[in-house]
Protein backbone atom coordinates (compact mmCIF):
# COMPACT_ATOMS: atom_id res chain seq x y z
CA UNK A 1 0.12 0.12 0.03
CA UNK A 2 1.37 3.54 -0.96
CA UNK A 3 2.46 6.18 1.87
CA UNK A 4 0.01 8.85 2.93
CA UNK A 5 1.77 11.48 1.19
CA UNK A 6 1.94 15.05 2.56
CA UNK A 7 4.80 16.25 1.08
CA UNK A 8 5.00 20.15 -0.09
CA UNK A 9 6.18 19.19 -3.00
CA UNK A 10 7.12 17.49 -5.50
CA UNK A 11 3.46 16.56 -4.97
CA UNK A 12 1.35 13.48 -4.88
CA UNK A 13 0.23 12.49 -8.61
CA UNK A 14 -2.61 9.88 -9.39
CA UNK A 15 -2.11 6.26 -9.26
CA UNK A 16 -3.31 6.07 -12.88
CA UNK A 17 -1.13 8.87 -14.25
CA UNK A 18 1.80 7.32 -12.39
CA UNK A 19 0.96 3.97 -13.98
CA UNK A 20 0.58 5.81 -17.68
CA UNK A 21 3.87 7.82 -17.49
CA UNK A 22 5.59 4.63 -16.49
CA UNK A 23 4.45 2.76 -19.63
CA UNK A 24 5.46 5.65 -21.81
CA UNK A 25 9.04 5.64 -20.33
CA UNK A 26 9.65 2.02 -22.16
CA UNK A 27 7.26 2.65 -25.10
CA UNK A 28 5.81 5.56 -26.14
CA UNK A 29 2.55 5.35 -28.07
CA UNK A 30 3.30 1.46 -28.89
CA UNK A 31 6.27 3.15 -31.32
CA UNK A 32 9.19 0.88 -29.79
CA UNK A 33 10.66 4.03 -28.11
CA UNK A 34 10.78 5.71 -24.73
CA UNK A 35 9.21 8.79 -24.37
CA UNK A 36 12.47 9.97 -23.18
CA UNK A 37 14.11 9.04 -26.33
CA UNK A 38 11.48 10.72 -29.04
CA UNK A 39 12.50 14.13 -30.75
CA UNK A 40 10.86 16.85 -28.81
CA UNK A 41 9.89 18.32 -32.68
CA UNK A 42 8.65 15.03 -33.55
CA UNK A 43 4.40 14.60 -34.00
CA UNK A 44 3.81 12.80 -30.66
CA UNK A 45 5.42 15.33 -28.77
CA UNK A 46 4.08 18.08 -30.35
CA UNK A 47 0.55 16.75 -29.71
CA UNK A 48 1.50 16.40 -26.05
CA UNK A 49 2.53 19.89 -25.75
CA UNK A 50 -0.14 21.40 -27.64
CA UNK A 51 -2.87 19.16 -25.62
CA UNK A 52 -1.40 20.32 -22.23
CA UNK A 53 -1.81 23.74 -23.66
CA UNK A 54 -5.03 23.55 -24.46
CA UNK A 55 -6.29 21.71 -21.44
CA UNK A 56 -4.88 24.52 -19.53
CA UNK A 57 -6.79 27.17 -20.89
CA UNK A 58 -9.93 25.14 -21.05
CA UNK A 59 -9.70 24.05 -17.14
CA UNK A 60 -9.03 27.80 -16.30
CA UNK A 61 -11.69 28.98 -18.58
CA UNK A 62 -9.49 31.21 -20.61
CA UNK A 63 -9.87 29.92 -24.25
CA UNK A 64 -10.03 32.47 -26.84
CA UNK A 65 -9.62 35.12 -24.62
CA UNK A 66 -6.13 36.31 -26.06
CA UNK A 67 -4.18 33.99 -23.45
CA UNK A 68 -1.01 32.19 -24.25
CA UNK A 69 0.50 28.90 -22.60
CA UNK A 70 4.16 28.21 -22.27
CA UNK A 71 6.22 25.61 -20.51
CA UNK A 72 9.37 26.75 -19.69
CA UNK A 73 12.64 25.83 -17.46
CA UNK A 74 13.56 27.23 -14.18
CA UNK A 75 10.90 27.02 -12.01
CA UNK A 76 8.56 29.94 -10.46
CA UNK A 77 12.13 31.21 -9.06
CA UNK A 78 13.17 32.23 -12.69
CA UNK A 79 9.54 33.96 -13.36
CA UNK A 80 10.39 36.31 -10.44
CA UNK A 81 13.02 37.54 -12.91
CA UNK A 82 10.87 37.03 -16.23
CA UNK A 83 7.85 38.67 -15.24
CA UNK A 84 10.19 42.07 -14.05
CA UNK A 85 12.55 41.73 -17.31
CA UNK A 86 9.14 41.66 -19.25
CA UNK A 87 7.13 44.19 -17.46
CA UNK A 88 8.55 46.24 -15.18
CA UNK A 89 9.15 49.74 -17.24
CA UNK A 90 9.55 52.06 -14.06
CA UNK A 91 7.89 50.75 -10.84
CA UNK A 92 5.75 47.72 -9.84
CA UNK A 93 3.51 47.01 -6.88
CA UNK A 94 4.06 43.78 -4.86
CA UNK A 95 1.93 42.12 -2.01
CA UNK A 96 4.34 40.21 0.51
CA UNK A 97 3.05 37.22 2.26
CA UNK A 98 5.97 35.02 2.41
CA UNK A 99 9.30 33.53 1.56
CA UNK A 100 8.09 33.41 -2.04
CA UNK A 101 6.88 36.79 -2.74
CA UNK A 102 9.98 38.08 -0.64
CA UNK A 103 12.27 36.39 -3.19
CA UNK A 104 9.94 37.92 -6.08
CA UNK A 105 10.51 41.47 -4.76
CA UNK A 106 14.17 40.73 -4.26
CA UNK A 107 14.54 39.83 -8.09
CA UNK A 108 12.22 42.49 -9.30
CA UNK A 109 14.23 45.14 -7.48
CA UNK A 110 17.19 44.79 -10.33
CA UNK A 111 14.64 46.32 -12.94
CA UNK A 112 13.00 49.45 -11.55
CA UNK A 113 11.41 50.90 -8.54
CA UNK A 114 8.98 48.69 -6.03
CA UNK A 115 6.28 49.46 -3.98
CA UNK A 116 5.46 46.70 -1.05
CA UNK A 117 1.89 47.85 -0.59
CA UNK A 118 1.73 45.33 2.28
CA UNK A 119 3.73 42.65 4.31
CA UNK A 120 2.93 40.02 6.78
CA UNK A 121 6.61 39.78 7.65
CA UNK A 122 5.79 41.11 11.00
CA UNK A 123 4.09 38.08 12.33
CA UNK A 124 5.90 35.63 10.46
CA UNK A 125 3.65 35.71 7.54
CA UNK A 126 0.98 34.28 9.61
CA UNK A 127 -1.94 36.22 7.93
CA UNK A 128 -2.77 37.80 4.64
CA UNK A 129 -2.68 41.82 4.75
CA UNK A 130 -6.03 43.33 3.88
CA UNK A 131 -7.17 46.88 2.99
CA UNK A 132 -3.88 48.16 1.20
CA UNK A 133 -4.35 50.51 -1.52
CA UNK A 134 -2.38 49.86 -4.84
CA UNK A 135 -0.88 52.85 -6.50
CA UNK A 136 -2.58 53.43 -10.10
CA UNK A 137 0.83 54.32 -11.62
CA UNK A 138 2.62 51.10 -11.53
CA UNK A 139 3.30 48.71 -14.45
CA UNK A 140 1.61 45.70 -12.65
CA UNK A 141 0.73 44.41 -9.19
CA UNK A 142 2.29 40.82 -8.16
CA UNK A 143 1.14 38.43 -5.61
CA UNK A 144 1.47 34.85 -4.37
CA UNK A 145 -2.08 33.29 -4.04
CA UNK A 146 -0.69 30.54 -1.48
CA UNK A 147 2.04 30.02 0.73
CA UNK A 148 3.37 26.46 0.93
CA UNK A 149 5.66 27.39 3.85
CA UNK A 150 3.55 29.41 6.10
CA UNK A 151 0.14 27.97 5.06
CA UNK A 152 -1.72 30.99 4.31
CA UNK A 153 -3.91 31.64 0.97
CA UNK A 154 -5.25 34.78 -0.60
CA UNK A 155 -9.19 34.49 -0.72
CA UNK A 156 -9.93 37.73 -2.88
CA UNK A 157 -8.05 39.13 -5.33
CA UNK A 158 -8.36 43.13 -6.44
CA UNK A 159 -9.71 44.39 -9.33
CA UNK A 160 -7.31 46.55 -11.09
CA UNK A 161 -6.75 48.95 -13.70
CA UNK A 162 -3.27 47.84 -13.86
CA UNK A 163 -1.89 43.88 -14.87
CA UNK A 164 -2.42 41.50 -12.04
CA UNK A 165 0.27 38.97 -11.95
CA UNK A 166 0.05 36.00 -9.70
CA UNK A 167 2.46 33.21 -8.49
CA UNK A 168 0.14 30.38 -8.17
CA UNK A 169 2.87 27.69 -7.70
CA UNK A 170 1.01 25.61 -4.80
CA UNK A 171 -2.70 25.94 -5.64
CA UNK A 172 -3.30 26.29 -9.60
CA UNK A 173 -6.07 24.18 -10.49
CA UNK A 174 -7.32 23.54 -6.90
CA UNK A 175 -10.29 26.12 -6.71
CA UNK A 176 -12.63 27.76 -8.96
CA UNK A 177 -11.38 31.29 -9.40
CA UNK A 178 -12.30 34.04 -12.24
CA UNK A 179 -9.02 33.65 -13.81
CA UNK A 180 -9.57 35.81 -16.49
CA UNK A 181 -8.65 38.76 -13.94
CA UNK A 182 -4.95 38.00 -14.33
CA UNK A 183 -2.79 38.91 -16.92
CA UNK A 184 -0.22 36.53 -16.10
CA UNK A 185 0.16 33.48 -13.82
CA UNK A 186 2.66 31.06 -13.43
CA UNK A 187 3.40 27.80 -11.48
CA UNK A 188 6.10 25.22 -10.71
CA UNK A 189 4.35 21.98 -12.08
CA UNK A 190 5.87 20.12 -8.94
CA UNK A 191 3.12 21.06 -6.32
CA UNK A 192 -0.25 20.03 -8.01
CA UNK A 193 0.30 19.54 -11.75
CA UNK A 194 3.31 17.13 -12.58
CA UNK A 195 6.91 16.31 -11.65
CA UNK A 196 9.40 19.30 -11.23
CA UNK A 197 11.17 20.09 -14.31
CA UNK A 198 8.75 22.34 -16.12
CA UNK A 199 6.95 26.05 -15.22
CA UNK A 200 3.69 26.82 -16.71
CA UNK A 201 3.03 30.38 -17.70
CA UNK A 202 -0.47 31.69 -18.69
CA UNK A 203 0.28 35.19 -20.29
CA UNK A 204 -2.57 37.86 -21.69
CA UNK A 205 -0.32 38.48 -25.30
CA UNK A 206 -1.40 41.89 -25.30
CA UNK A 207 0.24 42.94 -21.99
CA UNK A 208 3.94 42.19 -23.57
CA UNK A 209 6.06 44.21 -25.77
CA UNK A 210 6.03 47.49 -23.72
CA UNK A 211 9.11 47.92 -21.66
CA UNK A 212 12.27 49.93 -23.20
CA UNK A 213 14.83 47.49 -22.40
CA UNK A 214 16.33 44.96 -24.67
CA UNK A 215 15.20 41.52 -22.97
CA UNK A 216 17.52 38.68 -23.82
CA UNK A 217 15.91 35.72 -26.08
CA UNK A 218 16.04 33.19 -23.67
CA UNK A 219 14.11 35.28 -20.92
CA UNK A 220 11.76 37.14 -23.32
CA UNK A 221 8.14 35.73 -23.29
CA UNK A 222 7.32 36.87 -27.09
CA UNK A 223 10.57 34.45 -27.76
CA UNK A 224 8.62 31.51 -26.59
CA UNK A 225 5.44 32.35 -27.83
CA UNK A 226 6.64 32.59 -30.95
CA UNK A 227 8.45 29.44 -30.56
CA UNK A 228 5.56 27.74 -29.34
CA UNK A 229 7.70 26.60 -26.09
CA UNK A 230 10.18 24.87 -28.58
CA UNK A 231 12.66 28.13 -28.52
CA UNK A 232 15.05 25.39 -26.73
CA UNK A 233 14.54 21.75 -26.06
CA UNK A 234 11.39 21.47 -23.57
CA UNK A 235 11.09 19.34 -20.44
CA UNK A 236 9.25 16.49 -22.51
CA UNK A 237 8.87 13.93 -19.17
CA UNK A 238 7.69 16.61 -17.16
CA UNK A 239 5.00 18.12 -19.56
CA UNK A 240 3.80 14.76 -20.67
CA UNK A 241 3.01 13.85 -17.19
CA UNK A 242 1.24 17.19 -16.47
CA UNK A 243 -0.84 16.82 -19.75
CA UNK A 244 -1.79 13.48 -17.71
CA UNK A 245 -2.80 15.30 -14.69
CA UNK A 246 -4.70 17.80 -16.43
CA UNK A 247 -6.75 15.25 -18.64
CA UNK A 248 -7.19 13.50 -14.97
CA UNK A 249 -8.88 16.49 -13.75
CA UNK A 250 -10.69 17.30 -16.59
CA UNK A 251 -12.48 13.71 -16.56
CA UNK A 252 -13.10 14.34 -12.72
CA UNK A 253 -15.08 17.30 -13.49
CA UNK A 254 -12.42 19.81 -13.62
CA UNK A 255 -11.66 22.61 -11.17
CA UNK A 256 -15.34 22.96 -9.90
CA UNK A 257 -15.16 19.64 -8.99
CA UNK A 258 -11.72 19.24 -7.24
CA UNK A 259 -12.59 22.20 -5.34
CA UNK A 260 -15.25 20.64 -3.78
CA UNK A 261 -13.03 17.71 -2.84
CA UNK A 262 -10.34 19.95 -1.66
CA UNK A 263 -12.74 21.90 1.12
CA UNK A 264 -13.81 18.46 2.48
CA UNK A 265 -10.14 17.50 3.01
CA UNK A 266 -9.27 20.93 4.72
CA UNK A 267 -12.28 20.94 6.35
CA UNK A 268 -11.49 17.54 8.10
CA UNK A 269 -8.44 18.61 9.00
CA UNK A 270 -8.97 21.93 10.29
CA UNK A 271 -12.24 20.69 12.50
CA UNK A 272 -9.28 18.10 14.27
CA UNK A 273 -6.89 21.08 14.68
CA UNK A 274 -9.15 23.16 16.30
CA UNK A 275 -10.96 20.47 18.25
CA UNK A 276 -8.23 18.44 19.65
CA UNK A 277 -6.80 20.01 22.85
CA UNK A 278 -3.20 18.96 22.05
CA UNK A 279 -2.86 20.90 18.85
CA UNK A 280 -3.21 24.66 17.56
CA UNK A 281 -3.00 26.14 13.99
CA UNK A 282 -0.39 28.25 12.93
CA UNK A 283 -1.92 30.94 11.00
CA UNK A 284 -4.83 33.51 11.20
CA UNK A 285 -8.07 31.05 10.64
CA UNK A 286 -9.74 33.31 7.77
CA UNK A 287 -6.34 32.95 5.67
CA UNK A 288 -5.87 28.92 6.20
CA UNK A 289 -4.63 27.53 2.94
CA UNK A 290 -6.59 24.54 1.65
CA UNK A 291 -3.59 23.07 -0.09
CA UNK A 292 -0.98 23.58 2.92
CA UNK A 293 -2.41 23.45 6.50
CA UNK A 294 0.44 24.39 9.17
CA UNK A 295 -0.30 23.23 12.94
CA UNK A 296 2.21 22.43 15.90
CA UNK A 297 1.73 20.70 19.44
CA UNK A 298 0.97 22.69 22.51
CA UNK A 299 3.13 20.59 24.39
CA UNK A 300 6.36 19.98 22.38
CA UNK A 301 7.35 17.18 24.89
CA UNK A 302 4.78 14.94 22.84
CA UNK A 303 6.74 15.49 19.74
CA UNK A 304 8.75 12.07 19.82
CA UNK A 305 5.47 10.40 20.58
CA UNK A 306 3.60 12.02 17.66
CA UNK A 307 6.18 11.47 15.25
CA UNK A 308 6.48 7.96 15.86
CA UNK A 309 2.82 7.76 15.61
CA UNK A 310 2.24 9.05 12.38
CA UNK A 311 5.44 7.33 10.85
CA UNK A 312 3.89 4.14 11.97
CA UNK A 313 0.74 5.06 10.39
CA UNK A 314 2.83 5.03 6.98
CA UNK A 315 2.29 9.22 6.67
CA UNK A 316 5.04 10.80 4.96
CA UNK A 317 6.18 14.40 4.33
CA UNK A 318 4.38 15.78 7.62
CA UNK A 319 7.56 18.10 9.11
CA UNK A 320 6.74 21.49 8.85
CA UNK A 321 9.51 24.11 7.16
CA UNK A 322 12.27 25.14 9.38
CA UNK A 323 11.56 28.66 9.21
CA UNK A 324 7.83 27.89 10.76
CA UNK A 325 8.15 24.44 12.87
CA UNK A 326 5.66 22.11 13.70
CA UNK A 327 3.93 20.29 10.82
CA UNK A 328 2.53 20.94 7.39
CA UNK A 329 0.05 18.80 5.99
CA UNK A 330 -0.11 19.24 2.16
CA UNK A 331 -3.29 18.39 0.49
CA UNK A 332 -3.11 18.74 -3.13
CA UNK A 333 -5.36 17.66 -5.64
CA UNK A 334 -4.73 14.00 -6.11
CA UNK A 335 -4.31 13.54 -2.23
CA UNK A 336 -7.63 11.28 -1.08
CA UNK A 337 -9.62 12.04 1.53
CA UNK A 338 -8.68 8.88 3.33
CA UNK A 339 -5.07 10.07 3.79
CA UNK A 340 -6.47 13.05 5.41
CA UNK A 341 -8.71 10.71 7.80
CA UNK A 342 -5.77 8.78 8.76
CA UNK A 343 -3.88 11.95 9.72
CA UNK A 344 -6.88 12.64 11.80
CA UNK A 345 -6.95 9.25 13.11
CA UNK A 346 -3.61 9.61 14.36
CA UNK A 347 -3.72 13.04 16.13
CA UNK A 348 -6.65 11.27 17.89
CA UNK A 349 -4.93 8.58 19.02
CA UNK A 350 -2.03 10.68 20.54
CA UNK A 351 -5.21 12.49 22.44
CA UNK A 352 -5.93 9.11 23.85
CA UNK A 353 -2.60 8.15 24.89
CA UNK A 354 -1.51 11.39 26.31
C-alpha cells in the first residue's frame, strides 16, 4: 500500500497518471521508443505539448481570450525574474505574504522601483494583509496566491486597472477563480500538476512588448510564444505527466469538482486541529490554505510520541518547514480523503494516549 503523502513538493500524483507515465518511459504510443528518447519536435510530442496547452486554457476558462500558454524551464524562481524583465518599465507593486513573494521582490528590484503595498512579515507571515492600496501608476501588481511554507492563502483578489500577476505554484487548478482577472499567472508543475522540471506560464499576450529595455532571447516571453515553447528543448517528461494530470482533472469534472474535494479534506483536518486540545493552528483562521495546513503541538514534549505515531501510520512528509516548525500537511489535488482521515485518526490516537 502506498504511503499517505503530505509532502509539500514534489506533489502526490494520481495513481493512473503514474501508471501511464511509467509505460511511456518504456514504450510511448506503441512506437518501440521511450518518451525519453523521441525528438521534442516529433509529431507525437508536439501533440502532447499542444494538448497540455489546450487543457490548461480549458480548465482555467481562458479559451479564446487572448492568452498564451508556455511550458518553460527554471521553476517559479526564474519567473520572479522574467515577469519583471518583461513587464517592469518604471515601477511595480508587490504584496509580500511569505518567502516566495519575498524572493520575487528581491529579483524585481533589479529592474525598477518597487512599492511593497503590504507585508505580513511582522508576524512571520501568519496572515494575509487586507485593505492595502495599490498605486494607479504602477506597471503591474504581483501577488502569491498560496504560501506553501506558512500555510496562508489569498481568498479574494483585487480588481485592477493595471495588470495583475500571480504566482500560483502551490494552488493552481485547486479552486475555481475568475482567472480572466489575471494578466499573467505562473506555477511550478511540482506542486499540483506534475513532477519537477517544467513551469507553466499563462499570459495575456497584449501586455507584452511594452518595456524599453532589450530582453535576452531566453528570458523574453515573446520569444517562447513565437517558438511555441520550443525555443530550446522543453522538459519532455514533466510536460507529458502534466498533460496526463490535466486530463485526469478534466475527466473528474474539472476545477469546480476538485475544489469541493479539496474543501472536504481541509475542513476535516482543520476541524480536528481546532477540536483536539493537543494541537493548535499556526496561521489566522480566515487565511488558512486549503492546500497546506500548518499546525503544531501545544506541548512539545509530545513531539517524539506523535512523530512515531504518524510514521507508524505510513504518513510521509508531515514535518513543517524549518522557518515555521511544527507540522505541515500538504493536501494537493491527488491526495485522497482517506489519507487526511488517517492523519486525523493519528492525532486522535495521540490524544487518547497522552
